[in-house]
């Protein structure tokens, strides 16, 4: 009866009984990958078999439910079609903008949203103010090498070792400052730490006097879509921002359909 025993304080109850029953049926069908028998559905929802059968047949007419064989049911392709429409409307920039502003209020430092394009990251959004004290704010549309940036390291860490070596060969791991990582073995150790902690850093590697920390934003398939980073003068970067940075990246990921643990 688990599908019918939801905590009403957590989940609003539909005012129309048949809608509540539809939700219960859909929840049961979603709980298993394979088709489920009418008997099992009835037991788990607490609905009489004839009631469950009647509603399921109506849902099958609208392709919300499939009947692969008589007496067995599973979720239908109509839900996939509608889900794809919703997914197509989700935009990482739109999802990130408001949470980025909240993160900026906390840190009072520039917050950047970046994506990968080839061997570079591209800044696609930022939240900042003149009071941040940063001499350089990455312009939207600006680019930077993967291995010299915190977000770029997130993307490299998501690659397999062969791809990382190929990147190193293509780019030569050129440096910008005395802190730039220019040796493959050093980069590989750095990427190992990124994988371990889920956080990447830029320690004045792209620009002297500027440090960054970054966390990843993921889609519903667990793919790294973008990186969220805080940039600050080297002496002002506060490690206490990390929990909020990670929580903000996770909030954006959930908006985009990600439900795993980051």
Foldseek 3Di string as FASTA:
>chain_A
DVLQDDDCVVPPQDPDVVVNLVSSLQVVLVVDPDWDFLVVSCVSNVHDSVSSVVSQVVCVVVQQWDDPDPRTIHGGCVVVVVVVVVLVPDDLCVLQPVLQQVLCVVQQFKKWKWFDDPQKIFTQDIHHDPVQPDPDDADHRDIDGLQQAFFSLLVLLVDDPVVLVVSCVVVQQDFQDPPGDRDSVVSVVQSVVCVVPQKGKRQCGNHQQKIKMWHFAAAQVRDTGIIMMTIHGNVRDDPVSVVSRHVSSVSSNVVRNHDDDD
